[in-house]
C-alpha atoms as a PDB file:
ATOM      1  CA  UNK A   1     -10.253   3.419  19.748  1.00  0.00           C
ATOM      2  CA  UNK A   2     -14.265   4.412  20.464  1.00  0.00           C
ATOM      3  CA  UNK A   3     -13.615   7.399  19.052  1.00  0.00           C
ATOM      4  CA  UNK A   4     -14.197   6.904  15.440  1.00  0.00           C
ATOM      5  CA  UNK A   5     -14.028   9.981  12.772  1.00  0.00           C
ATOM      6  CA  UNK A   6     -15.727   9.507   9.253  1.00  0.00           C
ATOM      7  CA  UNK A   7     -12.608  10.649   7.316  1.00  0.00           C
ATOM      8  CA  UNK A   8     -12.932  10.157   3.666  1.00  0.00           C
ATOM      9  CA  UNK A   9      -9.847  10.243   1.291  1.00  0.00           C
ATOM     10  CA  UNK A  10      -9.944  11.324  -1.776  1.00  0.00           C
ATOM     11  CA  UNK A  11      -6.635  10.563  -3.771  1.00  0.00           C
ATOM     12  CA  UNK A  12      -6.170   9.258  -7.937  1.00  0.00           C
ATOM     13  CA  UNK A  13      -3.719   5.829  -7.713  1.00  0.00           C
ATOM     14  CA  UNK A  14      -0.636   8.160  -8.723  1.00  0.00           C
ATOM     15  CA  UNK A  15      -0.867  10.376  -6.270  1.00  0.00           C
ATOM     16  CA  UNK A  16      -1.441   6.929  -3.824  1.00  0.00           C
ATOM     17  CA  UNK A  17       1.782   5.186  -5.371  1.00  0.00           C
ATOM     18  CA  UNK A  18       3.856   8.600  -4.921  1.00  0.00           C
ATOM     19  CA  UNK A  19       2.978   9.062  -1.276  1.00  0.00           C
ATOM     20  CA  UNK A  20       3.456   5.395  -0.402  1.00  0.00           C
ATOM     21  CA  UNK A  21       6.927   5.116  -2.012  1.00  0.00           C
ATOM     22  CA  UNK A  22       7.807   8.724  -0.704  1.00  0.00           C
ATOM     23  CA  UNK A  23       7.081   6.646   3.091  1.00  0.00           C
ATOM     24  CA  UNK A  24       8.664   3.759   2.408  1.00  0.00           C
ATOM     25  CA  UNK A  25      12.130   5.444   1.254  1.00  0.00           C
ATOM     26  CA  UNK A  26      11.398   7.927   5.035  1.00  0.00           C
ATOM     27  CA  UNK A  27      11.141   4.985   7.063  1.00  0.00           C
ATOM     28  CA  UNK A  28      13.938   3.073   6.112  1.00  0.00           C
ATOM     29  CA  UNK A  29      15.461   6.186   6.158  1.00  0.00           C
ATOM     30  CA  UNK A  30      14.757   6.128   9.672  1.00  0.00           C
ATOM     31  CA  UNK A  31      14.892   2.415  10.741  1.00  0.00           C
ATOM     32  CA  UNK A  32      16.980   0.680   8.060  1.00  0.00           C
ATOM     33  CA  UNK A  33      17.211  -2.394  10.254  1.00  0.00           C
ATOM     34  CA  UNK A  34      14.083  -2.724   9.092  1.00  0.00           C
ATOM     35  CA  UNK A  35      13.975  -2.627   5.240  1.00  0.00           C
ATOM     36  CA  UNK A  36      12.266  -6.232   4.557  1.00  0.00           C
ATOM     37  CA  UNK A  37       9.637  -5.093   7.455  1.00  0.00           C
ATOM     38  CA  UNK A  38       9.104  -1.547   5.208  1.00  0.00           C
ATOM     39  CA  UNK A  39       8.706  -3.301   2.183  1.00  0.00           C
ATOM     40  CA  UNK A  40       6.238  -5.835   3.275  1.00  0.00           C
ATOM     41  CA  UNK A  41       4.159  -3.420   4.464  1.00  0.00           C
ATOM     42  CA  UNK A  42       4.117  -0.908   0.829  1.00  0.00           C
ATOM     43  CA  UNK A  43       3.739  -4.349  -1.057  1.00  0.00           C
ATOM     44  CA  UNK A  44       1.019  -5.420   1.559  1.00  0.00           C
ATOM     45  CA  UNK A  45      -0.509  -1.794   1.294  1.00  0.00           C
ATOM     46  CA  UNK A  46      -0.721  -2.590  -2.518  1.00  0.00           C
ATOM     47  CA  UNK A  47      -2.290  -5.864  -2.380  1.00  0.00           C
ATOM     48  CA  UNK A  48      -5.120  -4.720  -0.110  1.00  0.00           C
ATOM     49  CA  UNK A  49      -6.158  -1.566  -2.639  1.00  0.00           C
ATOM     50  CA  UNK A  50      -6.236  -4.964  -5.386  1.00  0.00           C
ATOM     51  CA  UNK A  51      -8.356  -6.601  -3.020  1.00  0.00           C
ATOM     52  CA  UNK A  52     -11.758  -7.220  -3.319  1.00  0.00           C
ATOM     53  CA  UNK A  53     -12.673  -5.787  -0.115  1.00  0.00           C
ATOM     54  CA  UNK A  54     -11.838  -2.770  -1.502  1.00  0.00           C
ATOM     55  CA  UNK A  55     -14.363  -3.491  -4.564  1.00  0.00           C
ATOM     56  CA  UNK A  56     -17.094  -4.560  -1.801  1.00  0.00           C
ATOM     57  CA  UNK A  57     -16.783  -1.614   0.069  1.00  0.00           C
ATOM     58  CA  UNK A  58     -17.022   0.524  -3.128  1.00  0.00           C
ATOM     59  CA  UNK A  59     -13.951   2.390  -2.094  1.00  0.00           C
ATOM     60  CA  UNK A  60     -13.018   3.621  -5.742  1.00  0.00           C
ATOM     61  CA  UNK A  61     -14.809   5.894  -7.726  1.00  0.00           C
ATOM     62  CA  UNK A  62     -13.641   5.317 -11.232  1.00  0.00           C
ATOM     63  CA  UNK A  63     -11.157   2.199 -13.192  1.00  0.00           C
ATOM     64  CA  UNK A  64     -10.379  -1.189 -11.824  1.00  0.00           C
ATOM     65  CA  UNK A  65      -7.953  -2.330  -8.674  1.00  0.00           C
ATOM     66  CA  UNK A  66      -6.779  -5.067 -10.848  1.00  0.00           C
ATOM     67  CA  UNK A  67      -4.917  -2.654 -12.853  1.00  0.00           C
ATOM     68  CA  UNK A  68      -3.292  -0.890  -9.662  1.00  0.00           C
ATOM     69  CA  UNK A  69       0.606  -1.025 -10.077  1.00  0.00           C
ATOM     70  CA  UNK A  70       3.156  -1.734  -8.317  1.00  0.00           C
ATOM     71  CA  UNK A  71       5.605   0.769  -6.901  1.00  0.00           C
ATOM     72  CA  UNK A  72       8.627  -2.107  -6.519  1.00  0.00           C
ATOM     73  CA  UNK A  73       7.779  -4.995  -9.274  1.00  0.00           C
ATOM     74  CA  UNK A  74      10.706  -6.801  -8.035  1.00  0.00           C
ATOM     75  CA  UNK A  75       8.429  -7.251  -4.157  1.00  0.00           C
ATOM     76  CA  UNK A  76       4.927  -8.007  -5.963  1.00  0.00           C
ATOM     77  CA  UNK A  77       5.001 -10.645  -3.572  1.00  0.00           C
ATOM     78  CA  UNK A  78       6.192 -10.303  -0.199  1.00  0.00           C
ATOM     79  CA  UNK A  79      10.202 -11.692   0.421  1.00  0.00           C
ATOM     80  CA  UNK A  80       9.827 -15.313   1.295  1.00  0.00           C
ATOM     81  CA  UNK A  81      10.894 -16.144   5.193  1.00  0.00           C
ATOM     82  CA  UNK A  82      14.203 -18.017   5.750  1.00  0.00           C
ATOM     83  CA  UNK A  83      14.046 -21.597   6.365  1.00  0.00           C
END
């Protein structure tokens, strides 16, 4: 992509989690065979928001990304691949 825009997103943790859960449910409904991949993507986004990169790039205004709640506690880690 050569035409980069400097877009600033502003949202609270609660708003983001609500939107992420809504996105996940819509994606699973549209692509039920991809449920596991969609869930992994949702968890990956949550992990990213707790990452050092978020801290290093000053992507938060207040609070601590380590306090970020997980939407789906049963998926704190991506599911293991079958052997």
